[in-house]
Amino acid sequence: MAVVTPKSPSITGWDASPMVIPTSGEGGPGSLRSVNDTLTAVAGDSAVSVYRLVRIPTNAKVKTVLLTTQAITVAAGDIDVAFSSSLVDGTPPQLAGGIVQITGPVDNKLFGAAQTLAGPLSHKDTTFLGTYTPVHQNLPLWQVLVNLGATQFTTDPGGFFDLVIKLTTGVTVGGPAALRCDFVEGN
């Protein structure tokens, strides 16, 4: 075994001469923003129902996604990225509302596929439970989706994305479901 001293790209830039200061949220300091919200899952909500929980800009560099549920039974869902459903927030109207499709086309399941929503109280970090990887934390979310094969756009579409839970099994006993997303807004 060898003793090594590798450096991340940002440290390599800081140590360079002349110094290369990393971009905010991409190894460089940036203001961390957090958005969270809750809704109530209702008994009888069926598979493929879509719960829209939080809205973030398309250029957000996502650092953490946390899912919290309470008292829900049987239900499970994919944690997807969808286009904002608003027609006035800058999201292109032709994209508004739909779940971002990747190669296939299939839903992106970026932050977890078929995640259980059941339990007396369940709180879990879902950041890396889907196709999202640590390398993706330093990329704007739109670019992550394009790199994974998004079929609706090739450049920043502008506007906002919603983080959603798309049920894969129905809810038999309802209760609160919440998402929290921590991110650095892109430049």
N, C-alpha and C. Protein backbone atom coordinates (compact mmCIF):
# COMPACT_ATOMS: atom_id res chain seq x y z
N MET A 1 0.84 -1.18 0.00
CA MET A 1 0.00 0.00 0.00
C MET A 1 0.88 1.24 0.00
N ALA A 2 0.41 2.24 -0.71
CA ALA A 2 1.16 3.49 -0.83
C ALA A 2 0.50 4.58 0.00
N VAL A 3 1.29 5.47 0.54
CA VAL A 3 0.78 6.66 1.20
C VAL A 3 0.64 7.72 0.11
N VAL A 4 -0.57 8.27 -0.04
CA VAL A 4 -0.83 9.25 -1.09
C VAL A 4 -1.40 10.52 -0.48
N THR A 5 -1.31 11.61 -1.21
CA THR A 5 -1.87 12.89 -0.75
C THR A 5 -2.62 13.57 -1.89
N PRO A 6 -3.70 12.94 -2.40
CA PRO A 6 -4.44 13.54 -3.51
C PRO A 6 -5.17 14.81 -3.06
N LYS A 7 -5.49 15.65 -4.04
CA LYS A 7 -6.21 16.89 -3.78
C LYS A 7 -7.47 16.93 -4.64
N SER A 8 -8.53 17.49 -4.07
CA SER A 8 -9.75 17.70 -4.84
C SER A 8 -9.48 18.78 -5.88
N PRO A 9 -10.33 18.89 -6.89
CA PRO A 9 -10.13 19.95 -7.89
C PRO A 9 -10.11 21.36 -7.27
N SER A 10 -10.96 21.59 -6.26
CA SER A 10 -10.98 22.94 -5.67
C SER A 10 -9.68 23.23 -4.92
N ILE A 11 -9.14 22.27 -4.17
CA ILE A 11 -7.87 22.48 -3.46
C ILE A 11 -6.73 22.64 -4.46
N THR A 12 -6.77 21.88 -5.56
CA THR A 12 -5.75 22.04 -6.60
C THR A 12 -5.78 23.46 -7.14
N GLY A 13 -6.98 23.99 -7.38
CA GLY A 13 -7.12 25.37 -7.84
C GLY A 13 -6.61 26.39 -6.83
N TRP A 14 -6.97 26.20 -5.57
CA TRP A 14 -6.51 27.12 -4.52
C TRP A 14 -4.98 27.11 -4.42
N ASP A 15 -4.37 25.94 -4.63
CA ASP A 15 -2.92 25.81 -4.50
C ASP A 15 -2.15 26.22 -5.77
N ALA A 16 -2.86 26.45 -6.87
CA ALA A 16 -2.20 26.78 -8.14
C ALA A 16 -1.59 28.18 -8.10
N SER A 17 -0.67 28.42 -9.01
CA SER A 17 -0.09 29.76 -9.15
C SER A 17 -0.17 30.12 -10.63
N PRO A 18 -1.02 31.05 -11.01
CA PRO A 18 -1.89 31.84 -10.15
C PRO A 18 -3.07 31.02 -9.61
N MET A 19 -3.57 31.47 -8.48
CA MET A 19 -4.67 30.78 -7.80
C MET A 19 -5.92 30.78 -8.68
N VAL A 20 -6.60 29.64 -8.72
CA VAL A 20 -7.87 29.52 -9.44
C VAL A 20 -8.96 29.31 -8.39
N ILE A 21 -9.75 30.35 -8.17
CA ILE A 21 -10.79 30.28 -7.14
C ILE A 21 -11.98 29.51 -7.70
N PRO A 22 -12.39 28.45 -7.00
CA PRO A 22 -13.51 27.64 -7.51
C PRO A 22 -14.83 28.40 -7.48
N THR A 23 -15.73 27.99 -8.36
CA THR A 23 -17.05 28.57 -8.48
C THR A 23 -17.88 28.26 -7.23
N SER A 24 -18.73 29.20 -6.86
CA SER A 24 -19.62 29.03 -5.71
C SER A 24 -20.43 27.75 -5.83
N GLY A 25 -20.40 26.93 -4.79
CA GLY A 25 -21.15 25.68 -4.77
C GLY A 25 -20.49 24.55 -5.52
N GLU A 26 -19.34 24.83 -6.16
CA GLU A 26 -18.59 23.82 -6.91
C GLU A 26 -17.20 23.68 -6.32
N GLY A 27 -17.13 23.62 -5.01
CA GLY A 27 -15.86 23.57 -4.31
C GLY A 27 -15.49 24.92 -3.72
N GLY A 28 -16.16 25.96 -4.18
CA GLY A 28 -15.96 27.31 -3.64
C GLY A 28 -17.09 27.64 -2.68
N PRO A 29 -16.85 28.56 -1.75
CA PRO A 29 -17.88 28.90 -0.77
C PRO A 29 -19.12 29.49 -1.44
N GLY A 30 -20.26 29.19 -0.88
CA GLY A 30 -21.52 29.71 -1.37
C GLY A 30 -22.54 29.68 -0.24
N SER A 31 -23.58 30.44 -0.41
CA SER A 31 -24.62 30.50 0.61
C SER A 31 -25.55 29.29 0.45
N LEU A 32 -25.62 28.50 1.51
CA LEU A 32 -26.49 27.33 1.50
C LEU A 32 -27.92 27.79 1.76
N ARG A 33 -28.81 27.36 0.89
CA ARG A 33 -30.23 27.67 1.05
C ARG A 33 -30.95 26.38 1.38
N SER A 34 -32.06 26.50 2.07
CA SER A 34 -32.83 25.33 2.44
C SER A 34 -34.30 25.62 2.20
N VAL A 35 -34.98 24.64 1.63
CA VAL A 35 -36.42 24.76 1.42
C VAL A 35 -37.05 23.45 1.87
N ASN A 36 -38.16 23.55 2.57
CA ASN A 36 -38.87 22.35 2.99
C ASN A 36 -40.36 22.63 3.05
N ASP A 37 -41.13 21.56 2.92
CA ASP A 37 -42.57 21.69 3.09
C ASP A 37 -43.16 20.31 3.34
N THR A 38 -44.41 20.32 3.77
CA THR A 38 -45.11 19.11 4.19
C THR A 38 -46.49 19.08 3.54
N LEU A 39 -46.96 17.89 3.25
CA LEU A 39 -48.36 17.71 2.87
C LEU A 39 -48.86 16.44 3.54
N THR A 40 -50.15 16.22 3.49
CA THR A 40 -50.72 15.03 4.12
C THR A 40 -51.14 14.02 3.07
N ALA A 41 -50.53 12.84 3.14
CA ALA A 41 -50.95 11.72 2.29
C ALA A 41 -52.28 11.21 2.86
N VAL A 42 -53.20 10.88 1.98
CA VAL A 42 -54.53 10.48 2.40
C VAL A 42 -54.77 9.01 2.03
N ALA A 43 -55.39 8.27 2.95
CA ALA A 43 -55.74 6.88 2.65
C ALA A 43 -56.54 6.84 1.36
N GLY A 44 -56.14 5.95 0.46
CA GLY A 44 -56.82 5.84 -0.82
C GLY A 44 -56.06 6.51 -1.96
N ASP A 45 -55.03 7.33 -1.64
CA ASP A 45 -54.19 7.88 -2.71
C ASP A 45 -53.55 6.71 -3.42
N SER A 46 -53.72 6.64 -4.73
CA SER A 46 -53.28 5.45 -5.47
C SER A 46 -51.90 5.63 -6.08
N ALA A 47 -51.34 4.50 -6.52
CA ALA A 47 -50.06 4.51 -7.22
C ALA A 47 -50.16 5.47 -8.40
N VAL A 48 -49.06 6.10 -8.71
CA VAL A 48 -48.85 7.14 -9.72
C VAL A 48 -49.39 8.51 -9.32
N SER A 49 -49.97 8.64 -8.12
CA SER A 49 -50.28 9.97 -7.60
C SER A 49 -48.96 10.70 -7.42
N VAL A 50 -48.94 12.02 -7.62
CA VAL A 50 -47.71 12.80 -7.54
C VAL A 50 -47.88 13.88 -6.48
N TYR A 51 -47.03 13.82 -5.44
CA TYR A 51 -47.02 14.82 -4.38
C TYR A 51 -45.92 15.83 -4.68
N ARG A 52 -46.27 17.08 -4.92
CA ARG A 52 -45.29 18.15 -5.16
C ARG A 52 -44.97 18.80 -3.80
N LEU A 53 -43.69 18.76 -3.44
CA LEU A 53 -43.34 19.21 -2.09
C LEU A 53 -42.48 20.47 -2.04
N VAL A 54 -41.41 20.54 -2.80
CA VAL A 54 -40.56 21.74 -2.74
C VAL A 54 -40.17 22.19 -4.15
N ARG A 55 -39.94 23.49 -4.30
CA ARG A 55 -39.57 24.09 -5.58
C ARG A 55 -38.19 24.74 -5.44
N ILE A 56 -37.31 24.43 -6.41
CA ILE A 56 -35.95 24.98 -6.41
C ILE A 56 -35.61 25.46 -7.82
N PRO A 57 -34.69 26.42 -7.95
CA PRO A 57 -34.33 26.88 -9.28
C PRO A 57 -33.61 25.79 -10.08
N THR A 58 -33.72 25.87 -11.40
CA THR A 58 -33.11 24.85 -12.26
C THR A 58 -31.59 24.84 -12.13
N ASN A 59 -31.00 25.95 -11.68
CA ASN A 59 -29.53 26.01 -11.54
C ASN A 59 -29.05 25.69 -10.13
N ALA A 60 -29.93 25.15 -9.28
CA ALA A 60 -29.55 24.77 -7.91
C ALA A 60 -28.53 23.64 -7.94
N LYS A 61 -27.53 23.75 -7.07
CA LYS A 61 -26.55 22.67 -6.88
C LYS A 61 -26.96 21.97 -5.58
N VAL A 62 -27.67 20.85 -5.72
CA VAL A 62 -28.30 20.16 -4.59
C VAL A 62 -27.24 19.48 -3.73
N LYS A 63 -27.31 19.74 -2.43
CA LYS A 63 -26.37 19.16 -1.48
C LYS A 63 -27.00 18.05 -0.64
N THR A 64 -28.28 18.21 -0.27
CA THR A 64 -28.96 17.23 0.58
C THR A 64 -30.46 17.19 0.28
N VAL A 65 -31.03 15.99 0.28
CA VAL A 65 -32.49 15.82 0.19
C VAL A 65 -32.89 14.88 1.33
N LEU A 66 -33.77 15.36 2.20
CA LEU A 66 -34.24 14.57 3.34
C LEU A 66 -35.74 14.33 3.24
N LEU A 67 -36.15 13.09 3.47
CA LEU A 67 -37.54 12.69 3.45
C LEU A 67 -37.98 12.34 4.86
N THR A 68 -39.10 12.90 5.28
CA THR A 68 -39.66 12.57 6.59
C THR A 68 -41.13 12.21 6.40
N THR A 69 -41.54 11.09 6.97
CA THR A 69 -42.95 10.71 6.93
C THR A 69 -43.36 10.24 8.32
N GLN A 70 -44.67 10.30 8.57
CA GLN A 70 -45.17 9.86 9.88
C GLN A 70 -46.54 9.23 9.72
N ALA A 71 -46.71 8.07 10.32
CA ALA A 71 -48.00 7.37 10.44
C ALA A 71 -48.56 6.86 9.12
N ILE A 72 -47.81 6.95 8.03
CA ILE A 72 -48.29 6.42 6.76
C ILE A 72 -48.01 4.92 6.73
N THR A 73 -48.93 4.14 6.17
CA THR A 73 -48.66 2.70 6.04
C THR A 73 -48.79 2.25 4.60
N VAL A 74 -47.99 1.27 4.26
CA VAL A 74 -47.94 0.57 2.99
C VAL A 74 -47.33 1.39 1.85
N ALA A 75 -47.49 2.67 1.81
CA ALA A 75 -47.08 3.48 0.66
C ALA A 75 -45.58 3.50 0.42
N ALA A 76 -45.23 3.67 -0.86
CA ALA A 76 -43.85 3.87 -1.29
C ALA A 76 -43.89 4.79 -2.50
N GLY A 77 -42.76 5.45 -2.77
CA GLY A 77 -42.73 6.35 -3.92
C GLY A 77 -41.34 6.65 -4.42
N ASP A 78 -41.28 7.07 -5.69
CA ASP A 78 -40.04 7.54 -6.29
C ASP A 78 -39.90 9.02 -5.97
N ILE A 79 -38.67 9.45 -5.73
CA ILE A 79 -38.42 10.88 -5.50
C ILE A 79 -37.80 11.42 -6.79
N ASP A 80 -38.64 12.12 -7.53
CA ASP A 80 -38.31 12.60 -8.86
C ASP A 80 -38.15 14.12 -8.89
N VAL A 81 -37.59 14.59 -10.00
CA VAL A 81 -37.53 16.01 -10.30
C VAL A 81 -38.54 16.26 -11.42
N ALA A 82 -39.43 17.22 -11.20
CA ALA A 82 -40.44 17.58 -12.20
C ALA A 82 -40.27 19.06 -12.53
N PHE A 83 -40.75 19.45 -13.70
CA PHE A 83 -40.77 20.87 -14.01
C PHE A 83 -41.83 21.53 -13.14
N SER A 84 -41.59 22.78 -12.73
CA SER A 84 -42.58 23.53 -11.97
C SER A 84 -43.91 23.49 -12.71
N SER A 85 -44.98 23.46 -11.94
CA SER A 85 -46.32 23.46 -12.54
C SER A 85 -46.85 24.88 -12.77
N SER A 86 -46.06 25.89 -12.39
CA SER A 86 -46.48 27.28 -12.55
C SER A 86 -46.30 27.73 -14.00
N LEU A 87 -47.18 28.58 -14.44
CA LEU A 87 -47.06 29.16 -15.78
C LEU A 87 -46.53 30.59 -15.72
N VAL A 88 -46.11 31.05 -14.52
CA VAL A 88 -45.66 32.45 -14.38
C VAL A 88 -44.31 32.58 -13.68
N ASP A 89 -43.58 31.47 -13.46
CA ASP A 89 -42.31 31.57 -12.71
C ASP A 89 -41.07 31.47 -13.59
N GLY A 90 -41.24 31.51 -14.91
CA GLY A 90 -40.10 31.43 -15.81
C GLY A 90 -39.86 30.04 -16.38
N THR A 91 -40.59 29.04 -15.88
CA THR A 91 -40.48 27.69 -16.44
C THR A 91 -41.15 27.71 -17.81
N PRO A 92 -40.48 27.19 -18.86
CA PRO A 92 -41.11 27.20 -20.19
C PRO A 92 -42.48 26.52 -20.14
N PRO A 93 -43.52 27.20 -20.64
CA PRO A 93 -44.88 26.65 -20.56
C PRO A 93 -45.02 25.26 -21.17
N GLN A 94 -44.27 24.96 -22.23
CA GLN A 94 -44.38 23.64 -22.86
C GLN A 94 -43.81 22.54 -21.99
N LEU A 95 -43.01 22.89 -20.96
CA LEU A 95 -42.43 21.89 -20.06
C LEU A 95 -43.17 21.81 -18.72
N ALA A 96 -43.93 22.85 -18.38
CA ALA A 96 -44.52 22.98 -17.04
C ALA A 96 -45.29 21.73 -16.62
N GLY A 97 -44.97 21.28 -15.41
CA GLY A 97 -45.74 20.23 -14.76
C GLY A 97 -45.23 18.81 -14.90
N GLY A 98 -44.60 18.46 -16.00
CA GLY A 98 -44.21 17.08 -16.22
C GLY A 98 -42.96 16.66 -15.47
N ILE A 99 -42.85 15.37 -15.18
CA ILE A 99 -41.64 14.82 -14.57
C ILE A 99 -40.56 14.76 -15.63
N VAL A 100 -39.35 15.19 -15.29
CA VAL A 100 -38.24 15.17 -16.24
C VAL A 100 -37.94 13.73 -16.63
N GLN A 101 -37.91 13.49 -17.93
CA GLN A 101 -37.65 12.15 -18.46
C GLN A 101 -36.18 12.01 -18.81
N ILE A 102 -35.60 10.85 -18.52
CA ILE A 102 -34.22 10.58 -18.91
C ILE A 102 -34.24 9.45 -19.94
N THR A 103 -33.10 8.98 -20.32
CA THR A 103 -32.99 7.99 -21.38
C THR A 103 -34.07 6.94 -21.25
N GLY A 104 -34.80 6.75 -22.28
CA GLY A 104 -35.84 5.73 -22.24
C GLY A 104 -37.03 6.08 -23.10
N PRO A 105 -37.86 7.06 -22.85
CA PRO A 105 -37.88 7.95 -21.69
C PRO A 105 -38.50 7.29 -20.45
N VAL A 106 -37.92 7.59 -19.32
CA VAL A 106 -38.44 7.11 -18.04
C VAL A 106 -38.28 8.22 -17.01
N ASP A 107 -39.10 8.17 -15.96
CA ASP A 107 -38.95 9.12 -14.86
C ASP A 107 -37.54 9.03 -14.31
N ASN A 108 -37.03 10.14 -13.79
CA ASN A 108 -35.62 10.20 -13.39
C ASN A 108 -35.30 9.52 -12.07
N LYS A 109 -36.23 9.41 -11.13
CA LYS A 109 -35.99 8.75 -9.83
C LYS A 109 -34.65 9.20 -9.23
N LEU A 110 -34.35 10.48 -9.39
CA LEU A 110 -33.04 11.01 -9.06
C LEU A 110 -32.64 10.79 -7.60
N PHE A 111 -33.60 10.92 -6.69
CA PHE A 111 -33.27 10.82 -5.26
C PHE A 111 -33.85 9.59 -4.60
N GLY A 112 -34.21 8.58 -5.39
CA GLY A 112 -34.63 7.31 -4.81
C GLY A 112 -35.82 6.71 -5.53
N ALA A 113 -35.76 5.41 -5.73
CA ALA A 113 -36.85 4.67 -6.36
C ALA A 113 -37.56 3.83 -5.30
N ALA A 114 -38.88 3.84 -5.33
CA ALA A 114 -39.72 3.03 -4.44
C ALA A 114 -39.29 3.15 -2.97
N GLN A 115 -39.07 4.38 -2.52
CA GLN A 115 -38.71 4.62 -1.13
C GLN A 115 -39.94 4.43 -0.25
N THR A 116 -39.77 3.70 0.84
CA THR A 116 -40.90 3.47 1.73
C THR A 116 -41.29 4.77 2.43
N LEU A 117 -42.58 5.00 2.50
CA LEU A 117 -43.11 6.16 3.21
C LEU A 117 -43.73 5.73 4.53
N ALA A 118 -43.65 4.45 4.84
CA ALA A 118 -44.33 3.88 6.00
C ALA A 118 -43.53 4.05 7.27
N GLY A 119 -44.23 3.97 8.37
CA GLY A 119 -43.59 3.96 9.68
C GLY A 119 -44.22 4.94 10.63
N PRO A 120 -44.02 4.72 11.92
CA PRO A 120 -44.53 5.67 12.90
C PRO A 120 -43.85 7.03 12.70
N LEU A 121 -42.53 7.03 12.44
CA LEU A 121 -41.78 8.23 12.07
C LEU A 121 -40.55 7.76 11.31
N SER A 122 -40.45 8.16 10.08
CA SER A 122 -39.32 7.78 9.24
C SER A 122 -38.64 9.05 8.77
N HIS A 123 -37.33 9.14 8.99
CA HIS A 123 -36.56 10.31 8.58
C HIS A 123 -35.29 9.79 7.93
N LYS A 124 -35.15 10.02 6.62
CA LYS A 124 -33.95 9.49 5.98
C LYS A 124 -33.40 10.45 4.94
N ASP A 125 -32.08 10.38 4.80
CA ASP A 125 -31.36 11.13 3.79
C ASP A 125 -31.47 10.33 2.49
N THR A 126 -32.14 10.90 1.50
CA THR A 126 -32.34 10.21 0.22
C THR A 126 -31.44 10.78 -0.88
N THR A 127 -30.52 11.66 -0.52
CA THR A 127 -29.70 12.34 -1.52
C THR A 127 -29.10 11.38 -2.53
N PHE A 128 -28.53 10.28 -2.07
CA PHE A 128 -27.80 9.37 -2.96
C PHE A 128 -28.47 8.01 -3.11
N LEU A 129 -29.79 7.93 -2.93
CA LEU A 129 -30.49 6.65 -3.03
C LEU A 129 -31.01 6.37 -4.43
N GLY A 130 -30.81 7.31 -5.36
CA GLY A 130 -31.21 7.11 -6.76
C GLY A 130 -29.99 7.21 -7.64
N THR A 131 -30.13 7.93 -8.74
CA THR A 131 -29.03 8.07 -9.69
C THR A 131 -28.14 9.28 -9.41
N TYR A 132 -28.47 10.05 -8.40
CA TYR A 132 -27.68 11.23 -8.00
C TYR A 132 -26.43 10.76 -7.25
N THR A 133 -25.26 11.28 -7.62
CA THR A 133 -24.00 10.86 -7.01
C THR A 133 -23.29 12.04 -6.36
N PRO A 134 -22.26 11.79 -5.54
CA PRO A 134 -21.52 12.91 -4.93
C PRO A 134 -20.96 13.89 -5.96
N VAL A 135 -20.55 13.43 -7.13
CA VAL A 135 -20.04 14.32 -8.17
C VAL A 135 -21.12 15.31 -8.61
N HIS A 136 -22.37 14.88 -8.60
CA HIS A 136 -23.48 15.74 -9.04
C HIS A 136 -23.70 16.94 -8.12
N GLN A 137 -23.23 16.88 -6.88
CA GLN A 137 -23.44 17.98 -5.94
C GLN A 137 -22.81 19.29 -6.42
N ASN A 138 -21.83 19.21 -7.31
CA ASN A 138 -21.15 20.41 -7.79
C ASN A 138 -21.62 20.83 -9.18
N LEU A 139 -22.76 20.31 -9.62
CA LEU A 139 -23.32 20.67 -10.92
C LEU A 139 -24.72 21.25 -10.74
N PRO A 140 -25.09 22.22 -11.58
CA PRO A 140 -26.49 22.68 -11.55
C PRO A 140 -27.42 21.51 -11.86
N LEU A 141 -28.57 21.46 -11.22
CA LEU A 141 -29.48 20.33 -11.36
C LEU A 141 -29.88 20.09 -12.82
N TRP A 142 -30.10 21.13 -13.60
CA TRP A 142 -30.46 20.93 -15.01
C TRP A 142 -29.37 20.15 -15.73
N GLN A 143 -28.09 20.45 -15.41
CA GLN A 143 -26.97 19.79 -16.07
C GLN A 143 -26.88 18.32 -15.65
N VAL A 144 -27.16 18.03 -14.38
CA VAL A 144 -27.18 16.64 -13.91
C VAL A 144 -28.19 15.84 -14.73
N LEU A 145 -29.37 16.40 -14.91
CA LEU A 145 -30.42 15.70 -15.65
C LEU A 145 -30.04 15.50 -17.12
N VAL A 146 -29.41 16.50 -17.74
CA VAL A 146 -28.94 16.36 -19.12
C VAL A 146 -27.87 15.27 -19.19
N ASN A 147 -26.92 15.29 -18.24
CA ASN A 147 -25.86 14.27 -18.23
C ASN A 147 -26.41 12.86 -18.08
N LEU A 148 -27.54 12.73 -17.40
CA LEU A 148 -28.16 11.42 -17.21
C LEU A 148 -29.09 11.04 -18.37
N GLY A 149 -29.24 11.95 -19.34
CA GLY A 149 -30.02 11.62 -20.53
C GLY A 149 -31.37 12.29 -20.63
N ALA A 150 -31.58 13.44 -19.97
CA ALA A 150 -32.86 14.15 -20.09
C ALA A 150 -33.21 14.33 -21.56
N THR A 151 -34.46 14.12 -21.90
CA THR A 151 -34.88 14.16 -23.29
C THR A 151 -35.63 15.44 -23.67
N GLN A 152 -35.98 16.30 -22.71
CA GLN A 152 -36.78 17.49 -23.02
C GLN A 152 -35.96 18.76 -23.24
N PHE A 153 -34.67 18.80 -22.85
CA PHE A 153 -33.87 20.02 -22.96
C PHE A 153 -32.39 19.66 -23.01
N THR A 154 -31.57 20.56 -23.56
CA THR A 154 -30.12 20.33 -23.62
C THR A 154 -29.34 21.45 -22.95
N THR A 155 -30.01 22.56 -22.64
CA THR A 155 -29.40 23.67 -21.91
C THR A 155 -30.34 24.03 -20.77
N ASP A 156 -29.91 24.95 -19.91
CA ASP A 156 -30.73 25.35 -18.77
C ASP A 156 -32.09 25.83 -19.27
N PRO A 157 -33.18 25.14 -18.91
CA PRO A 157 -34.50 25.56 -19.37
C PRO A 157 -35.00 26.81 -18.67
N GLY A 158 -34.34 27.17 -17.55
CA GLY A 158 -34.79 28.32 -16.77
C GLY A 158 -36.00 27.98 -15.93
N GLY A 159 -36.32 28.86 -15.03
CA GLY A 159 -37.47 28.63 -14.16
C GLY A 159 -37.12 27.74 -12.98
N PHE A 160 -38.01 26.81 -12.66
CA PHE A 160 -37.89 26.02 -11.45
C PHE A 160 -38.22 24.55 -11.68
N PHE A 161 -37.66 23.73 -10.81
CA PHE A 161 -38.01 22.32 -10.72
C PHE A 161 -38.73 22.10 -9.40
N ASP A 162 -39.65 21.13 -9.38
CA ASP A 162 -40.28 20.68 -8.15
C ASP A 162 -39.69 19.32 -7.80
N LEU A 163 -39.41 19.09 -6.51
CA LEU A 163 -39.07 17.75 -6.04
C LEU A 163 -40.39 17.12 -5.65
N VAL A 164 -40.64 15.94 -6.20
CA VAL A 164 -41.93 15.29 -6.03
C VAL A 164 -41.76 13.86 -5.55
N ILE A 165 -42.81 13.34 -4.94
CA ILE A 165 -42.90 11.92 -4.64
C ILE A 165 -44.00 11.36 -5.54
N LYS A 166 -43.62 10.43 -6.42
CA LYS A 166 -44.60 9.76 -7.28
C LYS A 166 -44.85 8.38 -6.68
N LEU A 167 -46.05 8.18 -6.18
CA LEU A 167 -46.35 6.92 -5.49
C LEU A 167 -46.19 5.72 -6.40
N THR A 168 -45.54 4.68 -5.85
CA THR A 168 -45.41 3.41 -6.56
C THR A 168 -46.36 2.37 -5.97
N THR A 169 -46.80 2.60 -4.74
CA THR A 169 -47.87 1.81 -4.13
C THR A 169 -48.80 2.78 -3.42
N GLY A 170 -50.07 2.41 -3.32
CA GLY A 170 -51.06 3.29 -2.73
C GLY A 170 -50.92 3.43 -1.22
N VAL A 171 -51.61 4.44 -0.70
CA VAL A 171 -51.60 4.73 0.74
C VAL A 171 -52.80 4.05 1.38
N THR A 172 -52.57 3.26 2.44
CA THR A 172 -53.69 2.65 3.14
C THR A 172 -54.06 3.45 4.39
N VAL A 173 -53.07 4.01 5.08
CA VAL A 173 -53.32 4.92 6.20
C VAL A 173 -52.48 6.15 5.94
N GLY A 174 -53.13 7.31 5.92
CA GLY A 174 -52.45 8.56 5.59
C GLY A 174 -51.68 9.17 6.74
N GLY A 175 -50.98 10.24 6.43
CA GLY A 175 -50.20 10.97 7.41
C GLY A 175 -49.30 11.98 6.71
N PRO A 176 -48.53 12.75 7.49
CA PRO A 176 -47.67 13.77 6.90
C PRO A 176 -46.47 13.19 6.16
N ALA A 177 -46.10 13.87 5.07
CA ALA A 177 -44.89 13.58 4.32
C ALA A 177 -44.19 14.91 4.08
N ALA A 178 -42.87 14.94 4.26
CA ALA A 178 -42.13 16.19 4.10
C ALA A 178 -40.83 15.93 3.36
N LEU A 179 -40.40 16.93 2.60
CA LEU A 179 -39.09 16.92 1.96
C LEU A 179 -38.36 18.20 2.36
N ARG A 180 -37.05 18.07 2.52
CA ARG A 180 -36.18 19.23 2.72
C ARG A 180 -35.05 19.11 1.71
N CYS A 181 -34.76 20.22 1.04
CA CYS A 181 -33.68 20.24 0.07
C CYS A 181 -32.74 21.39 0.43
N ASP A 182 -31.46 21.07 0.60
CA ASP A 182 -30.42 22.07 0.83
C ASP A 182 -29.64 22.22 -0.46
N PHE A 183 -29.41 23.46 -0.89
CA PHE A 183 -28.75 23.69 -2.17
C PHE A 183 -28.00 25.02 -2.16
N VAL A 184 -27.08 25.16 -3.10
CA VAL A 184 -26.43 26.44 -3.38
C VAL A 184 -26.93 26.86 -4.75
N GLU A 185 -27.43 28.08 -4.85
CA GLU A 185 -27.93 28.55 -6.14
C GLU A 185 -26.77 28.82 -7.08
N GLY A 186 -26.94 28.39 -8.33
CA GLY A 186 -25.89 28.52 -9.34
C GLY A 186 -25.68 29.95 -9.78
N ASN A 187 -24.58 30.14 -10.52
CA ASN A 187 -24.26 31.48 -11.02
C ASN A 187 -24.80 31.66 -12.41
